PDB file of N, CA and C in Angstrom:
ATOM      1  N   MET A   1     103.084 -10.905 -16.511  1.00  0.00           N
ATOM      2  CA  MET A   1     102.483 -12.068 -15.764  1.00  0.00           C
ATOM      3  C   MET A   1     102.381 -12.053 -14.503  1.00  0.00           C
ATOM      4  N   LEU A   2     101.133 -12.100 -14.072  1.00  0.00           N
ATOM      5  CA  LEU A   2     100.831 -12.256 -12.553  1.00  0.00           C
ATOM      6  C   LEU A   2     101.161 -13.628 -11.852  1.00  0.00           C
ATOM      7  N   ARG A   3     101.745 -13.619 -10.748  1.00  0.00           N
ATOM      8  CA  ARG A   3     101.901 -14.736  -9.960  1.00  0.00           C
ATOM      9  C   ARG A   3     100.874 -14.903  -8.758  1.00  0.00           C
ATOM     10  N   ALA A   4     100.499 -16.211  -8.397  1.00  0.00           N
ATOM     11  CA  ALA A   4      99.740 -16.288  -7.217  1.00  0.00           C
ATOM     12  C   ALA A   4     100.402 -15.796  -6.006  1.00  0.00           C
ATOM     13  N   THR A   5      99.654 -15.297  -5.116  1.00  0.00           N
ATOM     14  CA  THR A   5     100.320 -14.774  -3.921  1.00  0.00           C
ATOM     15  C   THR A   5     100.333 -15.930  -2.762  1.00  0.00           C
ATOM     16  N   ASN A   6     100.963 -15.668  -1.673  1.00  0.00           N
ATOM     17  CA  ASN A   6     101.435 -16.535  -0.619  1.00  0.00           C
ATOM     18  C   ASN A   6     100.222 -16.246   0.573  1.00  0.00           C
ATOM     19  N   LEU A   7      99.074 -15.415   0.104  1.00  0.00           N
ATOM     20  CA  LEU A   7      98.157 -15.111   1.095  1.00  0.00           C
ATOM     21  C   LEU A   7      96.874 -16.139   1.024  1.00  0.00           C
ATOM     22  N   VAL A   8      96.264 -16.314   2.021  1.00  0.00           N
ATOM     23  CA  VAL A   8      95.017 -17.166   1.940  1.00  0.00           C
ATOM     24  C   VAL A   8      93.949 -16.414   2.843  1.00  0.00           C
ATOM     25  N   GLY A   9      92.678 -16.463   2.163  1.00  0.00           N
ATOM     26  CA  GLY A   9      91.507 -15.630   2.885  1.00  0.00           C
ATOM     27  C   GLY A   9      90.704 -16.803   3.783  1.00  0.00           C
ATOM     28  N   VAL A  10      90.392 -16.494   5.059  1.00  0.00           N
ATOM     29  CA  VAL A  10      89.736 -17.295   5.741  1.00  0.00           C
ATOM     30  C   VAL A  10      88.526 -16.703   6.475  1.00  0.00           C
ATOM     31  N   ARG A  11      87.550 -17.403   7.072  1.00  0.00           N
ATOM     32  CA  ARG A  11      86.570 -16.849   7.772  1.00  0.00           C
ATOM     33  C   ARG A  11      86.459 -17.625   9.099  1.00  0.00           C
ATOM     34  N   PHE A  12      86.178 -16.989  10.310  1.00  0.00           N
ATOM     35  CA  PHE A  12      86.067 -17.687  11.537  1.00  0.00           C
ATOM     36  C   PHE A  12      84.472 -18.112  11.837  1.00  0.00           C
ATOM     37  N   THR A  13      83.516 -17.416  11.277  1.00  0.00           N
ATOM     38  CA  THR A  13      82.260 -17.800  11.261  1.00  0.00           C
ATOM     39  C   THR A  13      81.717 -17.683   9.972  1.00  0.00           C
ATOM     40  N   ARG A  14      80.592 -18.461   9.663  1.00  0.00           N
ATOM     41  CA  ARG A  14      79.879 -18.585   8.489  1.00  0.00           C
ATOM     42  C   ARG A  14      79.356 -17.169   8.088  1.00  0.00           C
ATOM     43  N   GLY A  15      79.868 -16.705   7.120  1.00  0.00           N
ATOM     44  CA  GLY A  15      79.224 -15.331   6.446  1.00  0.00           C
ATOM     45  C   GLY A  15      79.933 -14.243   7.155  1.00  0.00           C
ATOM     46  N   GLY A  16      80.947 -14.384   7.942  1.00  0.00           N
ATOM     47  CA  GLY A  16      81.616 -13.427   8.635  1.00  0.00           C
ATOM     48  C   GLY A  16      82.714 -12.772   7.541  1.00  0.00           C
ATOM     49  N   ARG A  17      83.260 -11.589   8.223  1.00  0.00           N
ATOM     50  CA  ARG A  17      84.347 -11.047   7.249  1.00  0.00           C
ATOM     51  C   ARG A  17      85.454 -11.997   6.827  1.00  0.00           C
ATOM     52  N   VAL A  18      86.063 -11.808   5.708  1.00  0.00           N
ATOM     53  CA  VAL A  18      87.198 -12.459   5.192  1.00  0.00           C
ATOM     54  C   VAL A  18      88.484 -11.981   5.958  1.00  0.00           C
ATOM     55  N   HIS A  19      89.325 -12.649   6.563  1.00  0.00           N
ATOM     56  CA  HIS A  19      90.577 -12.099   7.084  1.00  0.00           C
ATOM     57  C   HIS A  19      91.685 -12.859   6.216  1.00  0.00           C
ATOM     58  N   TYR A  20      92.698 -12.097   6.201  1.00  0.00           N
ATOM     59  CA  TYR A  20      93.856 -12.589   5.079  1.00  0.00           C
ATOM     60  C   TYR A  20      95.022 -13.097   6.025  1.00  0.00           C
ATOM     61  N   PHE A  21      95.644 -14.279   5.883  1.00  0.00           N
ATOM     62  CA  PHE A  21      96.950 -14.455   6.539  1.00  0.00           C
ATOM     63  C   PHE A  21      97.768 -15.182   5.526  1.00  0.00           C
ATOM     64  N   GLU A  22      99.113 -15.144   6.075  1.00  0.00           N
ATOM     65  CA  GLU A  22     100.169 -15.641   5.257  1.00  0.00           C
ATOM     66  C   GLU A  22     100.119 -17.035   5.351  1.00  0.00           C
ATOM     67  N   ASN A  23     100.165 -17.739   4.129  1.00  0.00           N
ATOM     68  CA  ASN A  23     100.202 -19.225   3.974  1.00  0.00           C
ATOM     69  C   ASN A  23     101.603 -19.728   4.311  1.00  0.00           C
ATOM     70  N   ALA A  24     101.742 -20.632   4.957  1.00  0.00           N
ATOM     71  CA  ALA A  24     103.114 -21.052   5.515  1.00  0.00           C
ATOM     72  C   ALA A  24     103.471 -22.161   4.658  1.00  0.00           C
ATOM     73  N   GLY A  25     103.360 -22.280   3.386  1.00  0.00           N
ATOM     74  CA  GLY A  25     103.832 -23.260   2.309  1.00  0.00           C
ATOM     75  C   GLY A  25     102.848 -24.405   2.525  1.00  0.00           C
ATOM     76  N   LEU A  26     101.648 -24.423   3.042  1.00  0.00           N
ATOM     77  CA  LEU A  26     100.907 -25.473   3.073  1.00  0.00           C
ATOM     78  C   LEU A  26     100.145 -25.576   1.801  1.00  0.00           C
ATOM     79  N   ASP A  27      99.441 -26.834   1.451  1.00  0.00           N
ATOM     80  CA  ASP A  27      98.761 -26.802   0.208  1.00  0.00           C
ATOM     81  C   ASP A  27      97.369 -26.656   0.797  1.00  0.00           C
ATOM     82  N   LEU A  28      96.735 -25.430   0.617  1.00  0.00           N
ATOM     83  CA  LEU A  28      95.374 -25.311   1.051  1.00  0.00           C
ATOM     84  C   LEU A  28      94.574 -25.018  -0.018  1.00  0.00           C
ATOM     85  N   GLU A  29      93.247 -25.552   0.196  1.00  0.00           N
ATOM     86  CA  GLU A  29      92.191 -25.427  -0.799  1.00  0.00           C
ATOM     87  C   GLU A  29      90.946 -24.849   0.114  1.00  0.00           C
ATOM     88  N   VAL A  30      89.981 -24.340  -0.704  1.00  0.00           N
ATOM     89  CA  VAL A  30      88.863 -23.750  -0.227  1.00  0.00           C
ATOM     90  C   VAL A  30      88.127 -24.884   0.598  1.00  0.00           C
ATOM     91  N   ASN A  31      87.518 -24.649   1.840  1.00  0.00           N
ATOM     92  CA  ASN A  31      86.704 -25.311   2.721  1.00  0.00           C
ATOM     93  C   ASN A  31      87.791 -26.208   3.769  1.00  0.00           C
ATOM     94  N   ASP A  32      89.103 -26.089   3.394  1.00  0.00           N
ATOM     95  CA  ASP A  32      89.783 -26.650   4.394  1.00  0.00           C
ATOM     96  C   ASP A  32      89.730 -25.781   5.749  1.00  0.00           C
ATOM     97  N   GLU A  33      89.846 -26.829   6.992  1.00  0.00           N
ATOM     98  CA  GLU A  33      89.910 -26.064   8.373  1.00  0.00           C
ATOM     99  C   GLU A  33      91.284 -26.098   8.672  1.00  0.00           C
ATOM    100  N   VAL A  34      91.675 -24.736   9.087  1.00  0.00           N
ATOM    101  CA  VAL A  34      93.073 -24.490   9.428  1.00  0.00           C
ATOM    102  C   VAL A  34      93.070 -23.804  10.852  1.00  0.00           C
ATOM    103  N   LEU A  35      94.376 -23.973  11.523  1.00  0.00           N
ATOM    104  CA  LEU A  35      94.751 -23.153  12.687  1.00  0.00           C
ATOM    105  C   LEU A  35      95.548 -21.933  12.374  1.00  0.00           C
ATOM    106  N   VAL A  36      95.020 -20.796  12.733  1.00  0.00           N
ATOM    107  CA  VAL A  36      95.621 -19.611  12.421  1.00  0.00           C
ATOM    108  C   VAL A  36      96.085 -18.804  13.711  1.00  0.00           C
ATOM    109  N   GLU A  37      97.126 -18.036  13.577  1.00  0.00           N
ATOM    110  CA  GLU A  37      97.626 -17.154  14.705  1.00  0.00           C
ATOM    111  C   GLU A  37      96.762 -15.941  14.674  1.00  0.00           C
ATOM    112  N   THR A  38      96.208 -15.796  16.055  1.00  0.00           N
ATOM    113  CA  THR A  38      95.588 -14.398  16.310  1.00  0.00           C
ATOM    114  C   THR A  38      95.941 -13.640  17.461  1.00  0.00           C
ATOM    115  N   GLU A  39      95.481 -12.321  17.809  1.00  0.00           N
ATOM    116  CA  GLU A  39      95.891 -11.803  18.824  1.00  0.00           C
ATOM    117  C   GLU A  39      95.453 -12.455  20.204  1.00  0.00           C
ATOM    118  N   THR A  40      94.592 -13.363  20.283  1.00  0.00           N
ATOM    119  CA  THR A  40      94.151 -14.141  21.392  1.00  0.00           C
ATOM    120  C   THR A  40      94.639 -15.595  21.338  1.00  0.00           C
ATOM    121  N   GLY A  41      95.559 -15.914  20.373  1.00  0.00           N
ATOM    122  CA  GLY A  41      95.952 -17.212  20.549  1.00  0.00           C
ATOM    123  C   GLY A  41      95.602 -17.953  19.164  1.00  0.00           C
ATOM    124  N   PRO A  42      96.057 -19.227  19.051  1.00  0.00           N
ATOM    125  CA  PRO A  42      95.661 -20.142  18.011  1.00  0.00           C
ATOM    126  C   PRO A  42      94.003 -20.174  17.812  1.00  0.00           C
ATOM    127  N   THR A  43      93.379 -20.125  16.683  1.00  0.00           N
ATOM    128  CA  THR A  43      91.989 -20.117  16.465  1.00  0.00           C
ATOM    129  C   THR A  43      91.752 -21.000  15.219  1.00  0.00           C
ATOM    130  N   THR A  44      90.755 -21.689  15.117  1.00  0.00           N
ATOM    131  CA  THR A  44      90.356 -22.454  13.984  1.00  0.00           C
ATOM    132  C   THR A  44      89.647 -21.568  12.992  1.00  0.00           C
ATOM    133  N   ALA A  45      89.718 -21.744  11.767  1.00  0.00           N
ATOM    134  CA  ALA A  45      89.069 -20.974  10.653  1.00  0.00           C
ATOM    135  C   ALA A  45      88.694 -21.807   9.486  1.00  0.00           C
ATOM    136  N   HIS A  46      88.088 -21.420   8.387  1.00  0.00           N
ATOM    137  CA  HIS A  46      87.851 -22.167   7.219  1.00  0.00           C
ATOM    138  C   HIS A  46      88.362 -21.245   6.101  1.00  0.00           C
ATOM    139  N   VAL A  47      89.014 -21.880   5.186  1.00  0.00           N
ATOM    140  CA  VAL A  47      89.630 -21.233   3.994  1.00  0.00           C
ATOM    141  C   VAL A  47      88.433 -20.907   2.981  1.00  0.00           C
ATOM    142  N   VAL A  48      88.465 -19.722   2.598  1.00  0.00           N
ATOM    143  CA  VAL A  48      87.318 -19.192   1.561  1.00  0.00           C
ATOM    144  C   VAL A  48      88.050 -18.638   0.395  1.00  0.00           C
ATOM    145  N   ILE A  49      89.396 -18.336   0.447  1.00  0.00           N
ATOM    146  CA  ILE A  49      90.029 -17.998  -0.623  1.00  0.00           C
ATOM    147  C   ILE A  49      91.387 -18.585  -0.701  1.00  0.00           C
ATOM    148  N   ALA A  50      91.720 -19.618  -1.643  1.00  0.00           N
ATOM    149  CA  ALA A  50      92.866 -20.406  -1.629  1.00  0.00           C
ATOM    150  C   ALA A  50      94.099 -19.474  -2.116  1.00  0.00           C
ATOM    151  N   PRO A  51      95.283 -19.933  -1.824  1.00  0.00           N
ATOM    152  CA  PRO A  51      96.312 -18.922  -2.283  1.00  0.00           C
ATOM    153  C   PRO A  51      96.427 -18.863  -3.765  1.00  0.00           C
ATOM    154  N   LYS A  52      96.237 -19.935  -4.466  1.00  0.00           N
ATOM    155  CA  LYS A  52      96.275 -19.961  -5.883  1.00  0.00           C
ATOM    156  C   LYS A  52      95.139 -19.045  -6.524  1.00  0.00           C
ATOM    157  N   GLN A  53      94.248 -18.664  -5.847  1.00  0.00           N
ATOM    158  CA  GLN A  53      92.901 -17.866  -6.309  1.00  0.00           C
ATOM    159  C   GLN A  53      93.453 -16.303  -6.071  1.00  0.00           C
ATOM    160  N   LEU A  54      94.373 -16.022  -5.347  1.00  0.00           N
ATOM    161  CA  LEU A  54      94.893 -14.531  -5.095  1.00  0.00           C
ATOM    162  C   LEU A  54      96.008 -14.376  -6.152  1.00  0.00           C
ATOM    163  N   LEU A  55      95.833 -13.341  -7.335  1.00  0.00           N
ATOM    164  CA  LEU A  55      97.027 -13.110  -8.052  1.00  0.00           C
ATOM    165  C   LEU A  55      97.585 -11.789  -7.779  1.00  0.00           C
ATOM    166  N   PHE A  56      96.937 -10.999  -6.854  1.00  0.00           N
ATOM    167  CA  PHE A  56      97.461  -9.722  -6.508  1.00  0.00           C
ATOM    168  C   PHE A  56      96.906  -9.348  -5.105  1.00  0.00           C
ATOM    169  N   SER A  57      97.825  -8.609  -4.391  1.00  0.00           N
ATOM    170  CA  SER A  57      97.391  -8.208  -3.189  1.00  0.00           C
ATOM    171  C   SER A  57      97.787  -6.891  -2.781  1.00  0.00           C
ATOM    172  N   ASN A  58      97.099  -6.076  -2.302  1.00  0.00           N
ATOM    173  CA  ASN A  58      97.507  -4.709  -1.682  1.00  0.00           C
ATOM    174  C   ASN A  58      97.327  -4.596  -0.364  1.00  0.00           C
ATOM    175  N   VAL A  59      97.431  -5.925   0.369  1.00  0.00           N
ATOM    176  CA  VAL A  59      97.405  -5.667   1.808  1.00  0.00           C
ATOM    177  C   VAL A  59      98.715  -5.353   2.306  1.00  0.00           C
ATOM    178  N   ASN A  60      98.746  -4.481   3.136  1.00  0.00           N
ATOM    179  CA  ASN A  60      99.926  -3.855   3.656  1.00  0.00           C
ATOM    180  C   ASN A  60     100.237  -4.324   4.981  1.00  0.00           C
ATOM    181  N   GLY A  61     101.376  -4.203   5.609  1.00  0.00           N
ATOM    182  CA  GLY A  61     101.700  -4.543   6.905  1.00  0.00           C
ATOM    183  C   GLY A  61     102.126  -6.068   6.991  1.00  0.00           C
ATOM    184  N   THR A  62     102.306  -6.413   8.406  1.00  0.00           N
ATOM    185  CA  THR A  62     102.695  -7.786   8.678  1.00  0.00           C
ATOM    186  C   THR A  62     101.576  -8.602   8.846  1.00  0.00           C
ATOM    187  N   LEU A  63     101.459  -9.740   8.448  1.00  0.00           N
ATOM    188  CA  LEU A  63     100.211 -10.595   8.506  1.00  0.00           C
ATOM    189  C   LEU A  63     100.586 -11.709   9.523  1.00  0.00           C
ATOM    190  N   LYS A  64      99.618 -12.279  10.240  1.00  0.00           N
ATOM    191  CA  LYS A  64      99.819 -13.283  10.926  1.00  0.00           C
ATOM    192  C   LYS A  64      99.905 -14.443   9.981  1.00  0.00           C
ATOM    193  N   ARG A  65     100.007 -15.755  10.336  1.00  0.00           N
ATOM    194  CA  ARG A  65     100.291 -16.921   9.539  1.00  0.00           C
ATOM    195  C   ARG A  65      99.329 -18.121   9.861  1.00  0.00           C
ATOM    196  N   VAL A  66      99.017 -18.824   8.895  1.00  0.00           N
ATOM    197  CA  VAL A  66      98.593 -20.064   9.263  1.00  0.00           C
ATOM    198  C   VAL A  66      99.462 -20.924   9.853  1.00  0.00           C
ATOM    199  N   LEU A  67      99.067 -21.545  10.960  1.00  0.00           N
ATOM    200  CA  LEU A  67     100.014 -22.574  11.601  1.00  0.00           C
ATOM    201  C   LEU A  67      99.995 -23.979  10.910  1.00  0.00           C
ATOM    202  N   ASN A  68      98.709 -24.489  10.727  1.00  0.00           N
ATOM    203  CA  ASN A  68      98.585 -25.915   9.966  1.00  0.00           C
ATOM    204  C   ASN A  68      97.119 -26.328   9.618  1.00  0.00           C
ATOM    205  N   LYS A  69      96.852 -27.195   9.055  1.00  0.00           N
ATOM    206  CA  LYS A  69      95.580 -27.761   8.697  1.00  0.00           C
ATOM    207  C   LYS A  69      95.160 -28.525   9.956  1.00  0.00           C
ATOM    208  N   VAL A  70      93.779 -28.400  10.054  1.00  0.00           N
ATOM    209  CA  VAL A  70      93.135 -29.246  11.256  1.00  0.00           C
ATOM    210  C   VAL A  70      92.698 -30.583  10.797  1.00  0.00           C
TER     211      VAL A  70
END
């Protein structure tokens, strides 16, 4: 049986690339605005793939995390 992952997919701009972040235990849904940790500091983004929508992930390496909902 597959379990949902703790990853969330976000976009920084409408129609932009989807970036994956570690969900820090927040109850996130599609269209939520979140604050995420990036190389240049905290940045806002919109959730386009909720954690419960991802059943499997082959994302490797350490991911930055969602800091909180905005």
